[in-house]
Amino acid sequence: MTVSANPDRVLKHEPSSCGGCGSSLEHIPGVIAARRQVIDLPPIRVETVEHQRIEKRCRCDTVTTGVFPTEVKSPVSYGWVSSLGQKTSVLPADTVAVIKQAVTASTVAHVDESGLRVAGSLAWVHCASTTTHTVFQVDPKRGLAGTLNGGVLQLFTGVMVHDGWEPYKTFTAATHGLCNAHHLRELQKICEDNPELGRAKQMTGFLVGTHRQVQAVKACGDTGLDKEALEALWHGYGEILAAANVQSPARVHPKTGGRIAQTEPRPLLNRLDSYQDDVLRFATDFSVPFDNNQAERDIRMVNLRQKVSGCLRSTTGAEHFVSIRSVMSTAKKQAVNEFEVLLDAFTGNSWIPAHA
């Protein structure tokens, strides 16, 4: 935290009498000896109150300074905001439950996970979100057990957009869409490390070109590619994969014929080949986006919080944090004042978001 050059209010703490002889200092001018600021959250907007400790010099030449209030302990600190997470009895549980139901019932949901230091150990924040709702859940486990504890993905039957992480593939009740932004980054690395593998550049051009084609068709008001365009799409994709498989064949054990450690391009090629429908979901279903940027944007605040403030000291604190983030992220998506929602929640009036 940094000291604000333009605080909203300034409170001067002046000594009333000389600390030496006891004479009144009421009409004696003083100078600022020290200053401290409290960043707090009033009902309407954030307000910075600057406390200035004034010192005055008496006629007897004794310098006496005012006293900061006991709650103002550092150059910059948070006031009411810092106590919100401790008020467990009014945490927005009802609001989070509604958000979870909305994400579960949605036609398209984005999912992602990120590490968070909690009580000295690595925990995981799991995110499931749509364009209108966000729900976070913290768990000591990253894998399937951690995602199941969120209570959303095992009930989800829409299109689940993700980066191809293995545990997500176990949710077979959902249809899947893979993040092509991840694919483009991996293809870019292959192009840089292995420029002789021209099929990587060709696949990059194909994915980017198909995305532009879909955007152009959407802009015309159409809801899907026509039959000829889809046939050309699958044909082009298949040709690139076939050539890439020849260019970068799977390595096998010379004696047993079994799979062995693969070269760098091969894992990506396996994914593009084995999950063709999921890679091109954005082109066959216009409700599905090209990438998983929605979830990545939503979970970015968790990463930012850790970068700025470090780890959370307790599991309870982490649970409070993700509950509050779920509500504030959803409020922002629904164009509702986040701070008013937060204030209402902590005064016993839970905000209930629109379902979609």
Protein backbone atom coordinates (compact mmCIF):
# COMPACT_ATOMS: atom_id res chain seq x y z
CA MET A 1 0.00 0.00 0.00
CA THR A 2 1.20 3.53 -0.78
CA VAL A 3 0.38 6.84 0.86
CA SER A 4 -2.18 8.84 -1.13
CA ALA A 5 -1.14 12.34 -2.18
CA ASN A 6 -4.80 13.43 -2.21
CA PRO A 7 -6.70 11.95 0.75
CA ASP A 8 -10.47 12.44 0.85
CA ARG A 9 -10.39 13.83 4.37
CA VAL A 10 -7.67 15.11 6.67
CA LEU A 11 -8.01 14.93 10.44
CA LYS A 12 -5.50 16.92 12.47
CA HIS A 13 -4.50 15.66 15.90
CA GLU A 14 -3.15 18.71 17.71
CA PRO A 15 -1.84 18.94 21.26
CA SER A 16 -4.01 21.19 23.40
CA SER A 17 -1.41 22.04 26.01
CA CYS A 18 2.35 22.17 26.34
CA GLY A 19 3.99 18.99 27.50
CA GLY A 20 6.58 21.04 29.35
CA CYS A 21 4.95 23.92 31.21
CA GLY A 22 1.30 23.05 30.63
CA SER A 23 0.47 26.28 28.79
CA SER A 24 -2.33 26.28 26.21
CA LEU A 25 -1.26 25.70 22.62
CA GLU A 26 -4.69 26.56 21.15
CA HIS A 27 -3.60 29.63 19.17
CA ILE A 28 -0.09 28.50 18.35
CA PRO A 29 0.47 27.31 14.75
CA GLY A 30 2.00 23.88 14.26
CA VAL A 31 3.68 21.79 11.58
CA ILE A 32 2.98 18.22 10.47
CA ALA A 33 5.25 15.89 12.44
CA ALA A 34 3.93 12.63 10.97
CA ARG A 35 1.02 11.33 8.98
CA ARG A 36 -0.84 8.05 8.69
CA GLN A 37 -3.69 7.06 6.39
CA VAL A 38 -6.61 4.67 6.75
CA ILE A 39 -8.19 3.29 3.56
CA ASP A 40 -11.78 2.43 4.39
CA LEU A 41 -14.99 1.55 2.58
CA PRO A 42 -18.01 3.78 3.27
CA PRO A 43 -21.41 2.77 1.86
CA ILE A 44 -20.98 4.75 -1.39
CA ARG A 45 -17.29 4.86 -2.30
CA VAL A 46 -13.80 4.22 -1.04
CA GLU A 47 -12.62 7.08 1.15
CA THR A 48 -9.07 7.77 2.26
CA VAL A 49 -8.82 9.59 5.58
CA GLU A 50 -5.45 11.09 6.38
CA HIS A 51 -4.52 11.50 10.02
CA GLN A 52 -1.89 14.17 10.60
CA ARG A 53 -0.10 14.33 13.91
CA ILE A 54 0.61 17.99 14.54
CA GLU A 55 3.46 19.27 16.63
CA LYS A 56 3.58 22.73 18.21
CA ARG A 57 6.31 24.72 19.81
CA CYS A 58 5.39 26.50 23.06
CA ARG A 59 6.68 29.89 24.19
CA CYS A 60 8.92 27.95 26.56
CA ASP A 61 10.49 26.30 23.48
CA THR A 62 9.08 22.83 24.27
CA VAL A 63 7.80 20.91 21.20
CA THR A 64 4.65 18.86 21.85
CA THR A 65 2.94 16.62 19.33
CA GLY A 66 -0.59 15.35 18.98
CA VAL A 67 -1.45 11.65 19.32
CA PHE A 68 -2.79 9.34 16.62
CA PRO A 69 -5.92 7.35 17.50
CA THR A 70 -5.05 3.86 18.76
CA GLU A 71 -6.57 2.17 15.69
CA VAL A 72 -4.29 4.10 13.32
CA LYS A 73 -1.16 1.98 13.63
CA SER A 74 0.74 2.28 10.34
CA PRO A 75 1.41 4.81 7.54
CA VAL A 76 -1.34 3.20 5.40
CA SER A 77 -3.91 0.73 6.70
CA TYR A 78 -7.39 -0.60 6.02
CA GLY A 79 -10.21 0.14 8.44
CA TRP A 80 -13.65 -1.45 8.24
CA VAL A 81 -12.64 -3.48 5.17
CA SER A 82 -10.14 -5.56 7.14
CA SER A 83 -12.83 -6.89 9.48
CA LEU A 84 -15.28 -8.08 6.83
CA GLY A 85 -13.85 -11.56 6.39
CA GLN A 86 -14.24 -12.27 10.10
CA LYS A 87 -17.99 -11.72 10.11
CA THR A 88 -18.82 -15.32 9.32
CA SER A 89 -22.44 -15.12 10.36
CA VAL A 90 -23.31 -12.84 7.43
CA LEU A 91 -21.19 -14.32 4.64
CA PRO A 92 -23.20 -14.40 1.38
CA ALA A 93 -23.91 -18.15 1.40
CA ASP A 94 -27.37 -17.74 -0.15
CA THR A 95 -25.95 -15.68 -3.00
CA VAL A 96 -23.16 -18.18 -3.69
CA ALA A 97 -25.70 -21.03 -3.76
CA VAL A 98 -27.75 -19.21 -6.43
CA ILE A 99 -24.61 -18.53 -8.46
CA LYS A 100 -23.63 -22.19 -8.28
CA GLN A 101 -27.08 -23.25 -9.49
CA ALA A 102 -26.92 -20.82 -12.40
CA VAL A 103 -23.50 -22.05 -13.54
CA THR A 104 -24.61 -25.68 -13.24
CA ALA A 105 -27.69 -25.03 -15.39
CA SER A 106 -25.88 -22.98 -18.05
CA THR A 107 -25.40 -24.16 -21.64
CA VAL A 108 -21.71 -23.16 -21.72
CA ALA A 109 -19.35 -22.95 -18.73
CA HIS A 110 -15.66 -22.15 -18.52
CA VAL A 111 -13.49 -23.96 -15.97
CA ASP A 112 -9.96 -23.40 -14.71
CA GLU A 113 -7.85 -23.81 -11.58
CA SER A 114 -4.96 -21.97 -9.96
CA GLY A 115 -2.70 -22.48 -6.98
CA LEU A 116 -3.13 -20.43 -3.80
CA ARG A 117 -0.94 -20.51 -0.71
CA VAL A 118 -3.10 -21.21 2.34
CA ALA A 119 -1.76 -21.73 5.87
CA GLY A 120 1.74 -22.36 4.55
CA SER A 121 0.68 -25.02 2.02
CA LEU A 122 -0.38 -25.05 -1.60
CA ALA A 123 -4.15 -25.21 -2.08
CA TRP A 124 -6.15 -24.88 -5.28
CA VAL A 125 -8.87 -22.47 -6.31
CA HIS A 126 -11.29 -24.06 -8.79
CA CYS A 127 -13.32 -21.72 -10.99
CA ALA A 128 -16.49 -22.37 -12.99
CA SER A 129 -17.98 -19.39 -14.76
CA THR A 130 -20.18 -18.02 -17.49
CA THR A 131 -20.56 -14.54 -18.96
CA THR A 132 -22.98 -13.70 -16.11
CA HIS A 133 -21.89 -15.79 -13.11
CA THR A 134 -18.67 -16.87 -11.38
CA VAL A 135 -18.23 -19.43 -8.61
CA PHE A 136 -14.93 -20.16 -6.90
CA GLN A 137 -14.11 -23.00 -4.54
CA VAL A 138 -10.88 -23.64 -2.62
CA ASP A 139 -9.64 -27.15 -1.94
CA PRO A 140 -6.36 -28.72 -0.78
CA LYS A 141 -6.43 -30.95 -3.87
CA ARG A 142 -6.04 -29.98 -7.49
CA GLY A 143 -7.22 -33.18 -9.20
CA LEU A 144 -10.57 -34.85 -9.66
CA ALA A 145 -11.35 -34.91 -5.93
CA GLY A 146 -10.89 -31.16 -5.73
CA THR A 147 -13.17 -30.47 -8.69
CA LEU A 148 -15.84 -32.84 -7.33
CA ASN A 149 -15.90 -31.01 -4.00
CA GLY A 150 -17.12 -27.91 -5.81
CA GLY A 151 -20.43 -29.65 -6.53
CA VAL A 152 -20.84 -28.11 -10.00
CA LEU A 153 -19.03 -30.06 -12.70
CA GLN A 154 -20.48 -33.49 -11.91
CA LEU A 155 -23.97 -32.03 -12.45
CA PHE A 156 -23.13 -29.99 -15.51
CA THR A 157 -24.55 -31.16 -18.87
CA GLY A 158 -23.73 -28.24 -21.16
CA VAL A 159 -20.49 -27.47 -23.02
CA MET A 160 -17.49 -27.35 -20.69
CA VAL A 161 -14.68 -25.16 -22.07
CA HIS A 162 -11.22 -25.86 -20.65
CA ASP A 163 -7.53 -26.26 -21.44
CA GLY A 164 -7.54 -30.04 -21.83
CA TRP A 165 -6.54 -30.86 -18.25
CA GLU A 166 -7.13 -34.60 -17.77
CA PRO A 167 -9.59 -34.50 -14.79
CA TYR A 168 -12.03 -32.37 -16.81
CA LYS A 169 -12.33 -35.15 -19.39
CA THR A 170 -13.87 -37.48 -16.77
CA PHE A 171 -17.09 -35.45 -16.77
CA THR A 172 -18.78 -37.37 -19.55
CA ALA A 173 -22.25 -35.90 -18.99
CA ALA A 174 -20.90 -32.67 -20.46
CA THR A 175 -19.85 -31.89 -24.00
CA HIS A 176 -16.34 -30.42 -24.19
CA GLY A 177 -14.68 -27.53 -25.97
CA LEU A 178 -10.92 -27.06 -25.89
CA CYS A 179 -9.19 -23.70 -25.51
CA ASN A 180 -7.55 -22.83 -28.81
CA ALA A 181 -5.60 -19.97 -27.29
CA HIS A 182 -3.61 -22.70 -25.50
CA HIS A 183 -3.16 -24.55 -28.78
CA LEU A 184 -1.88 -21.43 -30.51
CA ARG A 185 0.69 -20.83 -27.75
CA GLU A 186 1.90 -24.42 -28.00
CA LEU A 187 2.06 -24.22 -31.79
CA GLN A 188 4.01 -20.97 -31.57
CA LYS A 189 6.60 -22.65 -29.34
CA ILE A 190 6.93 -25.55 -31.78
CA CYS A 191 7.42 -23.10 -34.66
CA GLU A 192 10.17 -21.35 -32.69
CA ASP A 193 11.93 -24.49 -31.45
CA ASN A 194 11.42 -26.64 -34.56
CA PRO A 195 11.01 -24.34 -37.57
CA GLU A 196 11.45 -27.32 -39.87
CA LEU A 197 8.06 -28.65 -38.73
CA GLY A 198 6.00 -26.57 -41.14
CA ARG A 199 2.72 -28.26 -40.22
CA ALA A 200 2.66 -26.36 -36.91
CA LYS A 201 2.58 -23.05 -38.78
CA GLN A 202 -0.05 -24.46 -41.13
CA MET A 203 -2.27 -25.52 -38.20
CA THR A 204 -1.86 -22.08 -36.65
CA GLY A 205 -3.06 -20.45 -39.85
CA PHE A 206 -5.96 -22.89 -40.09
CA LEU A 207 -7.23 -22.23 -36.53
CA VAL A 208 -6.87 -18.45 -36.81
CA GLY A 209 -8.49 -18.45 -40.25
CA THR A 210 -11.40 -20.59 -39.06
CA HIS A 211 -11.95 -18.29 -36.10
CA ARG A 212 -12.12 -15.28 -38.40
CA GLN A 213 -14.51 -17.15 -40.68
CA VAL A 214 -16.82 -17.94 -37.76
CA GLN A 215 -16.73 -14.33 -36.54
CA ALA A 216 -17.63 -13.07 -40.01
CA VAL A 217 -20.57 -15.47 -40.28
CA LYS A 218 -21.78 -14.46 -36.81
CA ALA A 219 -21.57 -10.79 -37.81
CA CYS A 220 -23.99 -11.53 -40.65
CA GLY A 221 -26.50 -12.90 -38.15
CA ASP A 222 -26.13 -16.55 -39.10
CA THR A 223 -26.15 -19.22 -36.39
CA GLY A 224 -23.79 -21.71 -38.01
CA LEU A 225 -21.58 -22.56 -40.98
CA ASP A 226 -23.34 -24.02 -43.99
CA LYS A 227 -22.84 -27.64 -45.08
CA GLU A 228 -20.18 -26.85 -47.68
CA ALA A 229 -18.17 -24.73 -45.26
CA LEU A 230 -18.27 -27.48 -42.62
CA GLU A 231 -17.17 -30.12 -45.12
CA ALA A 232 -14.27 -27.93 -46.20
CA LEU A 233 -13.42 -27.31 -42.56
CA TRP A 234 -13.15 -31.00 -41.66
CA HIS A 235 -11.31 -31.81 -44.86
CA GLY A 236 -8.70 -29.10 -44.28
CA TYR A 237 -8.20 -30.06 -40.66
CA GLY A 238 -7.82 -33.74 -41.55
CA GLU A 239 -5.24 -33.00 -44.24
CA ILE A 240 -3.04 -31.03 -41.84
CA LEU A 241 -3.25 -33.76 -39.19
CA ALA A 242 -2.40 -36.49 -41.70
CA ALA A 243 0.66 -34.60 -42.91
CA ALA A 244 1.72 -33.81 -39.35
CA ASN A 245 1.49 -37.48 -38.36
CA VAL A 246 3.85 -38.32 -41.22
CA GLN A 247 6.18 -35.46 -40.29
CA SER A 248 6.20 -36.29 -36.56
CA PRO A 249 5.32 -39.99 -36.17
CA ALA A 250 4.68 -41.46 -32.73
CA ARG A 251 7.78 -43.06 -31.25
CA VAL A 252 7.52 -46.74 -30.36
CA HIS A 253 9.80 -49.14 -28.51
CA PRO A 254 12.01 -50.92 -31.06
CA LYS A 255 11.49 -54.32 -29.43
CA THR A 256 8.01 -54.30 -27.88
CA GLY A 257 6.34 -51.83 -30.20
CA GLY A 258 4.89 -50.00 -27.21
CA ARG A 259 4.72 -46.24 -26.75
CA ILE A 260 7.76 -44.47 -25.28
CA ALA A 261 8.51 -40.85 -24.37
CA GLN A 262 7.38 -38.63 -27.22
CA THR A 263 9.09 -35.67 -28.83
CA GLU A 264 7.78 -32.16 -28.11
CA PRO A 265 5.27 -31.81 -30.99
CA ARG A 266 3.71 -35.21 -30.39
CA PRO A 267 1.62 -34.60 -27.23
CA LEU A 268 -0.10 -31.62 -28.88
CA LEU A 269 -0.61 -33.56 -32.10
CA ASN A 270 -2.18 -36.42 -30.13
CA ARG A 271 -4.63 -33.98 -28.54
CA LEU A 272 -5.52 -32.26 -31.82
CA ASP A 273 -6.07 -35.66 -33.41
CA SER A 274 -7.87 -37.49 -30.57
CA TYR A 275 -10.21 -34.59 -29.68
CA GLN A 276 -11.02 -33.13 -33.09
CA ASP A 277 -14.66 -32.39 -32.19
CA ASP A 278 -13.62 -30.55 -29.04
CA VAL A 279 -10.94 -28.50 -30.82
CA LEU A 280 -13.41 -27.32 -33.47
CA ARG A 281 -16.42 -27.00 -31.16
CA PHE A 282 -16.35 -23.21 -31.64
CA ALA A 283 -16.94 -23.71 -35.37
CA THR A 284 -19.71 -26.30 -35.12
CA ASP A 285 -21.55 -24.66 -32.20
CA PHE A 286 -21.59 -20.87 -32.29
CA SER A 287 -22.50 -20.64 -28.59
CA VAL A 288 -19.00 -21.93 -27.77
CA PRO A 289 -16.12 -19.43 -27.85
CA PHE A 290 -12.74 -20.00 -29.48
CA ASP A 291 -10.85 -19.92 -26.18
CA ASN A 292 -11.15 -20.19 -22.42
CA ASN A 293 -10.31 -16.56 -21.73
CA GLN A 294 -13.48 -16.13 -19.65
CA ALA A 295 -12.25 -18.44 -16.89
CA GLU A 296 -8.69 -17.14 -17.14
CA ARG A 297 -9.89 -13.57 -16.66
CA ASP A 298 -12.14 -14.55 -13.78
CA ILE A 299 -9.40 -16.38 -11.87
CA ARG A 300 -6.84 -13.64 -12.49
CA MET A 301 -7.98 -11.71 -9.40
CA VAL A 302 -7.08 -14.71 -7.24
CA ASN A 303 -3.56 -14.66 -8.65
CA LEU A 304 -3.36 -10.89 -8.26
CA ARG A 305 -4.47 -11.08 -4.63
CA GLN A 306 -1.71 -13.58 -3.88
CA LYS A 307 0.89 -11.51 -5.71
CA VAL A 308 0.00 -8.35 -3.79
CA SER A 309 -0.88 -9.72 -0.34
CA GLY A 310 0.81 -13.11 -0.16
CA CYS A 311 -0.72 -16.26 1.30
CA LEU A 312 -3.92 -16.60 3.30
CA ARG A 313 -3.32 -17.61 6.89
CA SER A 314 -6.16 -20.09 7.33
CA THR A 315 -8.49 -22.34 5.36
CA THR A 316 -11.45 -20.45 6.82
CA GLY A 317 -10.01 -17.19 5.55
CA ALA A 318 -9.50 -18.71 2.10
CA GLU A 319 -13.11 -19.93 2.02
CA HIS A 320 -14.32 -16.44 2.96
CA PHE A 321 -12.14 -14.93 0.25
CA VAL A 322 -13.44 -17.15 -2.58
CA SER A 323 -17.05 -16.66 -1.45
CA ILE A 324 -16.66 -12.90 -1.58
CA ARG A 325 -14.87 -13.10 -4.94
CA SER A 326 -17.71 -15.24 -6.34
CA VAL A 327 -20.26 -12.59 -5.38
CA MET A 328 -18.22 -9.58 -6.50
CA SER A 329 -17.28 -11.12 -9.87
CA THR A 330 -20.92 -12.03 -10.54
CA ALA A 331 -22.12 -8.56 -9.53
CA LYS A 332 -19.66 -6.92 -11.92
CA LYS A 333 -20.82 -9.16 -14.78
CA GLN A 334 -24.43 -8.17 -14.08
CA ALA A 335 -23.60 -4.44 -13.93
CA VAL A 336 -24.44 -4.22 -10.23
CA ASN A 337 -22.36 -2.06 -7.89
CA GLU A 338 -19.93 -4.51 -6.31
CA PHE A 339 -19.30 -2.52 -3.16
CA GLU A 340 -22.97 -1.98 -2.45
CA VAL A 341 -23.55 -5.73 -2.86
CA LEU A 342 -20.68 -6.45 -0.49
CA LEU A 343 -21.94 -3.94 2.06
CA ASP A 344 -25.45 -5.37 1.88
CA ALA A 345 -24.11 -8.90 2.37
CA PHE A 346 -22.24 -7.95 5.50
CA THR A 347 -25.20 -6.12 6.95
CA GLY A 348 -27.48 -9.13 6.57
CA ASN A 349 -29.10 -8.35 3.20
CA SER A 350 -27.87 -10.91 0.68
CA TRP A 351 -28.06 -9.87 -2.97
CA ILE A 352 -29.66 -12.50 -5.19
CA PRO A 353 -28.31 -12.29 -8.77
CA ALA A 354 -30.36 -12.79 -11.91
CA HIS A 355 -30.29 -16.42 -12.99
CA ALA A 356 -29.02 -15.74 -16.49
